[in-house]
């Protein structure tokens, strides 16, 4: 029986530099941003900024998982192919939905689609923390988990930050097609006034 990483302390997960702790910190940050977007207390501009931050984190985080973590998990975990296949399908559904939101800034269904995306992201987090990541804990010692964490962080720092539904979910195709797009994504991320409110204005 696996024990969710959400119920274990940092020491039990390999320390702060462990890939498990890095994953959990990103998940907590995403959850806080989604809650803030949904609570109704932010202005339109603040919600646009929050949405951009959520999108950037979702895609860089998922790309690093698909490039570094899931290939390792497929090698070491029983049923790793099935488990990672399910999460990759969730990632594709999130990608497709966020792409629809990004292409339709004036659509009256935009807020509804964003909430659907949040529900998918939360399900993905639960599947990872409860099912996939505990299997990495079972397979590796603390030192190896920290080494994987450093590789994961390096990939995340250069990963795409926008939806690209046509990019494959697995290496080497995701790197060959995704990494060149990350340069364009990061230039767009730095551009002022790129949010939906600005585009509407």
Protein backbone atom coordinates (compact mmCIF):
# COMPACT_ATOMS: atom_id res chain seq x y z
CA UNK A 1 0.00 0.00 0.00
CA UNK A 2 1.33 3.44 -0.93
CA UNK A 3 1.31 6.37 1.51
CA UNK A 4 0.57 9.77 -0.03
CA UNK A 5 3.50 12.18 0.05
CA UNK A 6 1.02 14.79 1.31
CA UNK A 7 1.00 12.97 4.68
CA UNK A 8 4.77 12.72 5.16
CA UNK A 9 7.31 15.20 6.49
CA UNK A 10 10.34 16.56 4.64
CA UNK A 11 12.77 14.15 6.31
CA UNK A 12 10.69 11.17 5.24
CA UNK A 13 10.65 12.48 1.65
CA UNK A 14 14.40 12.93 1.27
CA UNK A 15 14.82 16.52 2.48
CA UNK A 16 14.07 19.91 0.95
CA UNK A 17 16.00 19.26 -2.28
CA UNK A 18 14.25 15.96 -2.95
CA UNK A 19 12.12 15.80 -6.06
CA UNK A 20 9.20 14.83 -3.84
CA UNK A 21 9.46 18.00 -1.78
CA UNK A 22 9.97 20.11 -4.91
CA UNK A 23 6.82 18.59 -6.40
CA UNK A 24 4.84 19.14 -3.22
CA UNK A 25 5.90 22.80 -2.99
CA UNK A 26 4.78 23.44 -6.57
CA UNK A 27 1.47 21.70 -5.91
CA UNK A 28 0.86 23.80 -2.79
CA UNK A 29 1.69 26.99 -4.69
CA UNK A 30 -0.69 26.04 -7.49
CA UNK A 31 -3.47 25.29 -5.02
CA UNK A 32 -3.01 28.65 -3.28
CA UNK A 33 -3.08 30.55 -6.59
CA UNK A 34 -6.18 28.69 -7.81
CA UNK A 35 -7.96 29.43 -4.52
CA UNK A 36 -7.04 33.10 -4.76
CA UNK A 37 -8.30 33.29 -8.37
CA UNK A 38 -11.60 31.69 -7.32
CA UNK A 39 -12.29 33.52 -4.05
CA UNK A 40 -13.65 36.65 -5.76
CA UNK A 41 -11.47 39.13 -3.86
CA UNK A 42 -9.07 40.00 -6.68
CA UNK A 43 -9.50 42.65 -9.37
CA UNK A 44 -9.66 41.66 -13.04
CA UNK A 45 -6.01 42.65 -13.51
CA UNK A 46 -4.97 40.65 -10.45
CA UNK A 47 -6.88 37.63 -11.69
CA UNK A 48 -5.25 37.95 -15.12
CA UNK A 49 -1.82 38.03 -13.45
CA UNK A 50 -2.73 35.04 -11.30
CA UNK A 51 -3.95 33.13 -14.34
CA UNK A 52 -0.67 33.83 -16.18
CA UNK A 53 1.31 32.61 -13.16
CA UNK A 54 -0.82 29.46 -12.92
CA UNK A 55 -0.42 28.68 -16.62
CA UNK A 56 3.35 29.20 -16.52
CA UNK A 57 3.78 26.96 -13.48
CA UNK A 58 1.44 24.24 -14.75
CA UNK A 59 3.27 23.81 -18.04
CA UNK A 60 6.85 24.07 -16.80
CA UNK A 61 6.03 21.67 -13.94
CA UNK A 62 4.29 19.11 -16.16
CA UNK A 63 7.03 19.24 -18.81
CA UNK A 64 9.68 18.49 -16.17
CA UNK A 65 7.61 15.57 -14.87
CA UNK A 66 7.20 14.10 -18.33
CA UNK A 67 10.88 14.57 -19.20
CA UNK A 68 12.53 13.50 -15.93
CA UNK A 69 10.14 11.70 -13.57
CA UNK A 70 7.81 9.53 -15.58
CA UNK A 71 10.53 7.80 -17.63
CA UNK A 72 12.23 6.85 -14.33
CA UNK A 73 8.94 5.66 -12.85
CA UNK A 74 8.21 3.49 -15.89
CA UNK A 75 11.55 1.75 -15.34
CA UNK A 76 11.26 1.08 -11.61
CA UNK A 77 7.58 0.77 -10.67
CA UNK A 78 5.19 -2.10 -11.27
CA UNK A 79 2.40 -0.85 -13.53
CA UNK A 80 4.50 2.27 -14.21
CA UNK A 81 3.37 2.40 -17.83
CA UNK A 82 -0.30 2.39 -16.85
CA UNK A 83 0.16 4.94 -14.05
CA UNK A 84 2.14 7.43 -16.11
CA UNK A 85 -0.18 6.95 -19.08
CA UNK A 86 -3.13 8.03 -16.94
CA UNK A 87 -1.36 11.16 -15.71
CA UNK A 88 -0.16 12.02 -19.22
CA UNK A 89 -3.78 11.85 -20.37
CA UNK A 90 -4.69 14.28 -17.58
CA UNK A 91 -1.89 16.60 -18.68
CA UNK A 92 -3.17 16.52 -22.26
CA UNK A 93 -6.71 17.34 -21.13
CA UNK A 94 -5.39 20.28 -19.07
CA UNK A 95 -3.30 21.44 -22.04
CA UNK A 96 -6.28 21.34 -24.40
CA UNK A 97 -8.57 23.17 -21.98
CA UNK A 98 -6.07 25.92 -21.17
CA UNK A 99 -5.37 26.36 -24.88
CA UNK A 100 -9.12 26.94 -25.39
CA UNK A 101 -9.13 29.55 -22.57
CA UNK A 102 -6.10 31.32 -24.02
CA UNK A 103 -7.60 31.50 -27.51
CA UNK A 104 -10.95 32.88 -26.29
CA UNK A 105 -10.36 35.85 -23.95
CA UNK A 106 -13.83 37.29 -24.60
CA UNK A 107 -15.85 34.06 -24.49
CA UNK A 108 -18.54 34.17 -21.76
CA UNK A 109 -17.65 30.56 -20.88
CA UNK A 110 -14.05 31.48 -20.04
CA UNK A 111 -14.51 31.47 -16.23
CA UNK A 112 -16.32 28.12 -16.45
CA UNK A 113 -13.46 26.64 -18.50
CA UNK A 114 -10.92 27.95 -16.00
CA UNK A 115 -12.77 26.26 -13.15
CA UNK A 116 -12.82 23.03 -15.18
CA UNK A 117 -9.06 23.37 -15.64
CA UNK A 118 -8.63 23.88 -11.90
CA UNK A 119 -10.63 20.70 -11.20
CA UNK A 120 -8.41 18.74 -13.60
CA UNK A 121 -5.24 20.18 -12.06
CA UNK A 122 -6.41 19.24 -8.55
CA UNK A 123 -7.21 15.69 -9.69
CA UNK A 124 -3.77 15.46 -11.30
CA UNK A 125 -2.11 16.61 -8.06
CA UNK A 126 -4.00 13.97 -6.06
CA UNK A 127 -3.07 11.20 -8.50
CA UNK A 128 0.59 12.20 -8.40
CA UNK A 129 0.87 12.66 -4.64
CA UNK A 130 -1.21 9.60 -3.74
CA UNK A 131 -0.18 7.11 -6.44
CA UNK A 132 2.90 8.00 -8.51
CA UNK A 133 5.31 9.89 -6.28
CA UNK A 134 5.14 7.42 -3.35
CA UNK A 135 6.51 4.81 -5.74
CA UNK A 136 9.59 6.94 -6.32
CA UNK A 137 10.02 7.15 -2.55
CA UNK A 138 9.82 3.36 -2.34
CA UNK A 139 12.35 2.87 -5.16
CA UNK A 140 15.10 5.36 -4.21
CA UNK A 141 17.11 6.61 -1.26
CA UNK A 142 17.36 10.23 -0.18
CA UNK A 143 20.49 10.99 -2.18
CA UNK A 144 19.01 9.70 -5.43
CA UNK A 145 15.78 11.63 -4.82
CA UNK A 146 17.82 14.82 -4.40
CA UNK A 147 19.74 14.08 -7.60
CA UNK A 148 16.49 13.55 -9.50
CA UNK A 149 15.19 16.77 -7.92
CA UNK A 150 18.12 18.77 -9.26
CA UNK A 151 17.57 17.37 -12.77
CA UNK A 152 13.84 18.08 -12.55
CA UNK A 153 14.48 21.68 -11.45
CA UNK A 154 16.95 22.25 -14.30
CA UNK A 155 14.42 21.05 -16.87
CA UNK A 156 11.59 23.05 -15.31
CA UNK A 157 13.69 26.24 -15.53
CA UNK A 158 13.91 25.91 -19.33
CA UNK A 159 10.55 24.28 -20.09
CA UNK A 160 7.64 25.68 -22.14
CA UNK A 161 5.26 27.85 -20.12
CA UNK A 162 2.27 27.91 -22.48
CA UNK A 163 -0.09 25.28 -23.89
CA UNK A 164 1.16 23.45 -26.98
CA UNK A 165 -1.37 20.66 -27.60
CA UNK A 166 0.64 19.19 -30.48
CA UNK A 167 3.81 18.59 -28.44
CA UNK A 168 4.23 14.90 -27.53
CA UNK A 169 3.99 13.92 -23.86
CA UNK A 170 7.09 11.71 -23.84
CA UNK A 171 10.82 12.04 -24.56
CA UNK A 172 12.50 12.51 -26.88
CA UNK A 173 9.63 14.06 -28.86
CA UNK A 174 8.59 16.45 -26.09
CA UNK A 175 12.13 17.86 -25.79
CA UNK A 176 12.72 18.08 -29.54
CA UNK A 177 9.51 20.03 -30.10
CA UNK A 178 8.95 21.64 -26.70
CA UNK A 179 12.32 23.14 -25.79
CA UNK A 180 12.51 25.44 -28.88
CA UNK A 181 8.99 26.66 -28.05
CA UNK A 182 10.06 27.51 -24.50
CA UNK A 183 12.21 30.40 -25.81
CA UNK A 184 9.19 31.91 -27.55
CA UNK A 185 7.00 31.28 -24.48
CA UNK A 186 9.39 33.02 -22.12
CA UNK A 187 9.68 36.04 -24.39
CA UNK A 188 5.88 36.30 -24.39
CA UNK A 189 5.84 35.90 -20.58
CA UNK A 190 8.10 38.96 -20.25
CA UNK A 191 6.00 41.13 -22.57
CA UNK A 192 3.98 43.75 -20.66
CA UNK A 193 0.22 43.81 -20.99
CA UNK A 194 -0.16 40.30 -22.33
CA UNK A 195 -3.11 39.28 -20.19
CA UNK A 196 -6.73 38.85 -21.21
CA UNK A 197 -7.76 42.21 -19.71
CA UNK A 198 -5.16 44.02 -21.82
CA UNK A 199 -6.20 42.12 -24.94
CA UNK A 200 -9.85 42.99 -24.33
CA UNK A 201 -8.93 46.67 -23.90
